Amino acid sequence: MDYKDIILKRESCRSFDGRPAEKEKILRCVDAARLAPSACNGQPWHFVIALSEEAVKTVREAVQGQGMNRFCDKCNSFVVVVEESTVLTSRIGTMITRTDFKPIDIGLAVSQFVCAATEQGLSTCILGWLNEKKIKEAFAVKKSHRVRLVIAVGYAATDAVRTKRRKTIEEICTIR
């Protein structure tokens, strides 16, 4: 599969078939994320892979508050994305430019993660609705770190890919 095929096939899966993703495949996704660019190579991320029944149950409950993400009942593997401290040069750059690079860096890493998942036949959904306190307590995440996202990872119930509705190139691009 070439890169364009991957980005056309990747979508936010909201209908998993219940099979958990294999640990080896998830680790290949983490390796792809590890290679993502980051400000001053700070790599301000840590990935917690939830595969055990107890860990999956904890994450599932943490992302389903107030009726959200009910589709996660059929997802049996998750990856918690934790924002950690970065290197000194990146922190100095943040102070000078008043731009926090950590969320940008994490976005790049997560993008590479989900593309690697798609390439291996896995489906994903990036979740921002979560109970950070519950996840931090369950997985011993330091108070100074943040749980930024959870990635639901598994197999889609169907191979059908929805048509992407996106803005046109003209709407998002200016050439001068």
Protein backbone atom coordinates (compact mmCIF):
# COMPACT_ATOMS: atom_id res chain seq x y z
CA MET A 1 0.00 0.00 0.00
CA ASP A 2 1.49 3.39 -0.91
CA TYR A 3 1.15 6.45 1.31
CA LYS A 4 -1.80 7.98 -0.56
CA ASP A 5 -3.67 4.65 -0.27
CA ILE A 6 -3.00 4.63 3.47
CA ILE A 7 -4.35 8.13 4.04
CA LEU A 8 -7.39 7.42 1.88
CA LYS A 9 -8.12 4.20 3.77
CA ARG A 10 -7.46 5.53 7.29
CA GLU A 11 -10.60 6.65 9.05
CA SER A 12 -11.96 6.98 12.55
CA CYS A 13 -13.43 3.55 13.13
CA ARG A 14 -16.59 3.52 15.23
CA SER A 15 -17.52 -0.09 14.59
CA PHE A 16 -14.98 -2.63 15.82
CA ASP A 17 -15.48 -6.38 15.46
CA GLY A 18 -14.20 -7.20 18.97
CA ARG A 19 -10.83 -8.70 18.04
CA PRO A 20 -7.95 -7.06 19.91
CA ALA A 21 -4.98 -5.79 17.94
CA GLU A 22 -1.91 -7.96 18.24
CA LYS A 23 0.83 -6.63 20.53
CA GLU A 24 3.42 -6.96 17.75
CA LYS A 25 1.35 -4.82 15.38
CA ILE A 26 0.80 -2.17 18.03
CA LEU A 27 4.53 -2.11 18.77
CA ARG A 28 5.19 -1.51 15.04
CA CYS A 29 2.81 1.46 15.29
CA VAL A 30 4.67 2.76 18.35
CA ASP A 31 7.92 2.40 16.42
CA ALA A 32 6.47 4.50 13.58
CA ALA A 33 5.35 7.11 16.13
CA ARG A 34 8.80 7.07 17.73
CA LEU A 35 10.30 8.14 14.42
CA ALA A 36 8.04 11.19 14.09
CA PRO A 37 9.66 14.63 14.03
CA SER A 38 9.55 16.66 17.22
CA ALA A 39 10.90 20.04 18.29
CA CYS A 40 14.59 19.66 19.13
CA ASN A 41 14.00 15.88 19.00
CA GLY A 42 12.33 16.23 22.40
CA GLN A 43 9.90 13.33 21.83
CA PRO A 44 7.51 14.47 24.59
CA TRP A 45 5.38 11.35 24.51
CA HIS A 46 4.91 8.00 26.15
CA PHE A 47 2.54 5.28 24.99
CA VAL A 48 0.72 2.99 27.42
CA ILE A 49 -0.62 -0.08 25.62
CA ALA A 50 -3.77 -1.48 27.22
CA LEU A 51 -4.26 -5.12 26.22
CA SER A 52 -5.14 -6.99 29.42
CA GLU A 53 -8.81 -7.38 30.25
CA GLU A 54 -8.44 -5.13 33.31
CA ALA A 55 -6.53 -2.39 31.45
CA VAL A 56 -8.99 -2.41 28.53
CA LYS A 57 -11.94 -2.18 30.93
CA THR A 58 -10.33 0.77 32.72
CA VAL A 59 -9.65 2.69 29.51
CA ARG A 60 -13.04 1.84 28.04
CA GLU A 61 -14.77 3.25 31.13
CA ALA A 62 -12.52 6.33 31.10
CA VAL A 63 -13.45 7.24 27.50
CA GLN A 64 -17.18 6.54 27.82
CA GLY A 65 -18.27 9.17 30.31
CA GLN A 66 -21.61 10.94 29.77
CA GLY A 67 -22.64 8.58 27.01
CA MET A 68 -19.68 9.29 24.75
CA ASN A 69 -17.76 6.70 22.69
CA ARG A 70 -20.19 3.83 23.21
CA PHE A 71 -18.67 2.11 20.18
CA CYS A 72 -15.63 1.38 22.38
CA ASP A 73 -17.58 -1.52 23.93
CA LYS A 74 -16.39 -3.57 20.94
CA CYS A 75 -12.79 -2.33 21.05
CA ASN A 76 -10.42 -4.57 22.98
CA SER A 77 -7.12 -2.72 22.71
CA PHE A 78 -6.23 0.88 23.42
CA VAL A 79 -3.14 3.06 23.48
CA VAL A 80 -2.98 5.91 25.96
CA VAL A 81 -0.90 8.85 24.75
CA VAL A 82 0.85 10.66 27.59
CA GLU A 83 2.49 14.04 27.21
CA GLU A 84 5.78 14.13 29.06
CA SER A 85 8.43 16.76 29.63
CA THR A 86 10.62 17.69 26.71
CA VAL A 87 14.26 18.62 26.33
CA LEU A 88 15.63 21.95 27.55
CA THR A 89 16.19 23.40 24.07
CA SER A 90 12.55 22.78 23.17
CA ARG A 91 11.38 24.38 26.43
CA ILE A 92 13.54 27.44 25.69
CA GLY A 93 12.08 27.59 22.18
CA THR A 94 8.59 27.45 23.68
CA MET A 95 9.37 30.39 25.96
CA ILE A 96 10.91 32.50 23.19
CA THR A 97 8.28 31.83 20.51
CA ARG A 98 5.36 31.43 22.93
CA THR A 99 4.47 28.26 21.04
CA ASP A 100 3.97 25.03 22.95
CA PHE A 101 5.45 22.44 20.62
CA LYS A 102 4.44 19.38 22.68
CA PRO A 103 0.86 19.09 21.33
CA ILE A 104 2.17 19.54 17.78
CA ASP A 105 4.79 16.85 18.32
CA ILE A 106 2.22 14.48 19.79
CA GLY A 107 -0.09 15.10 16.83
CA LEU A 108 2.68 14.16 14.42
CA ALA A 109 3.51 11.00 16.38
CA VAL A 110 -0.16 9.95 16.59
CA SER A 111 -0.59 10.56 12.87
CA GLN A 112 2.32 8.24 12.13
CA PHE A 113 0.90 5.69 14.60
CA VAL A 114 -2.52 5.55 12.94
CA CYS A 115 -1.04 5.40 9.43
CA ALA A 116 1.15 2.47 10.50
CA ALA A 117 -1.95 0.80 11.95
CA THR A 118 -3.84 1.24 8.69
CA GLU A 119 -0.94 -0.19 6.70
CA GLN A 120 -1.14 -3.35 8.86
CA GLY A 121 -4.90 -3.78 8.43
CA LEU A 122 -5.82 -2.30 11.81
CA SER A 123 -8.47 0.34 12.40
CA THR A 124 -8.18 3.23 14.84
CA CYS A 125 -10.11 6.06 16.40
CA ILE A 126 -8.34 8.93 18.15
CA LEU A 127 -10.27 9.84 21.30
CA GLY A 128 -9.99 13.14 23.12
CA TRP A 129 -13.00 12.64 25.39
CA LEU A 130 -11.52 10.94 28.45
CA ASN A 131 -11.33 10.91 32.21
CA GLU A 132 -7.70 11.90 32.65
CA LYS A 133 -7.71 11.42 36.42
CA LYS A 134 -8.96 7.84 36.16
CA ILE A 135 -6.37 6.92 33.53
CA LYS A 136 -3.53 8.58 35.42
CA GLU A 137 -4.40 6.70 38.60
CA ALA A 138 -4.84 3.34 36.84
CA PHE A 139 -1.55 3.52 34.94
CA ALA A 140 0.58 5.43 37.47
CA VAL A 141 1.07 8.45 35.20
CA LYS A 142 3.00 11.19 36.99
CA LYS A 143 0.98 14.18 38.15
CA SER A 144 3.23 16.47 36.10
CA HIS A 145 2.38 14.59 32.89
CA ARG A 146 -0.86 14.80 30.90
CA VAL A 147 -2.98 12.16 29.26
CA ARG A 148 -3.68 13.84 25.91
CA LEU A 149 -5.37 11.19 23.81
CA VAL A 150 -6.44 7.58 23.69
CA ILE A 151 -6.25 5.59 20.48
CA ALA A 152 -8.79 2.81 20.08
CA VAL A 153 -7.08 0.08 18.04
CA GLY A 154 -8.58 -3.06 16.57
CA TYR A 155 -10.29 -4.49 13.54
CA ALA A 156 -13.21 -2.81 11.82
CA ALA A 157 -16.48 -4.73 11.62
CA THR A 158 -16.53 -4.00 7.88
CA ASP A 159 -13.95 -3.30 5.19
CA ALA A 160 -16.08 -0.53 3.68
CA VAL A 161 -14.39 2.86 3.76
CA ARG A 162 -16.57 5.94 4.11
CA THR A 163 -16.21 8.73 1.56
CA LYS A 164 -14.08 11.48 3.05
CA ARG A 165 -15.74 14.89 3.16
CA ARG A 166 -13.01 17.48 3.31
CA LYS A 167 -12.51 21.05 2.19
CA THR A 168 -11.11 21.50 -1.31
CA ILE A 169 -7.47 22.37 -1.88
CA GLU A 170 -8.57 25.87 -2.92
CA GLU A 171 -10.32 26.35 0.43
CA ILE A 172 -7.26 25.46 2.47
CA CYS A 173 -4.38 26.70 0.30
CA THR A 174 -3.18 30.05 -0.97
CA ILE A 175 -0.42 30.36 -3.54
CA ARG A 176 1.38 33.70 -3.75
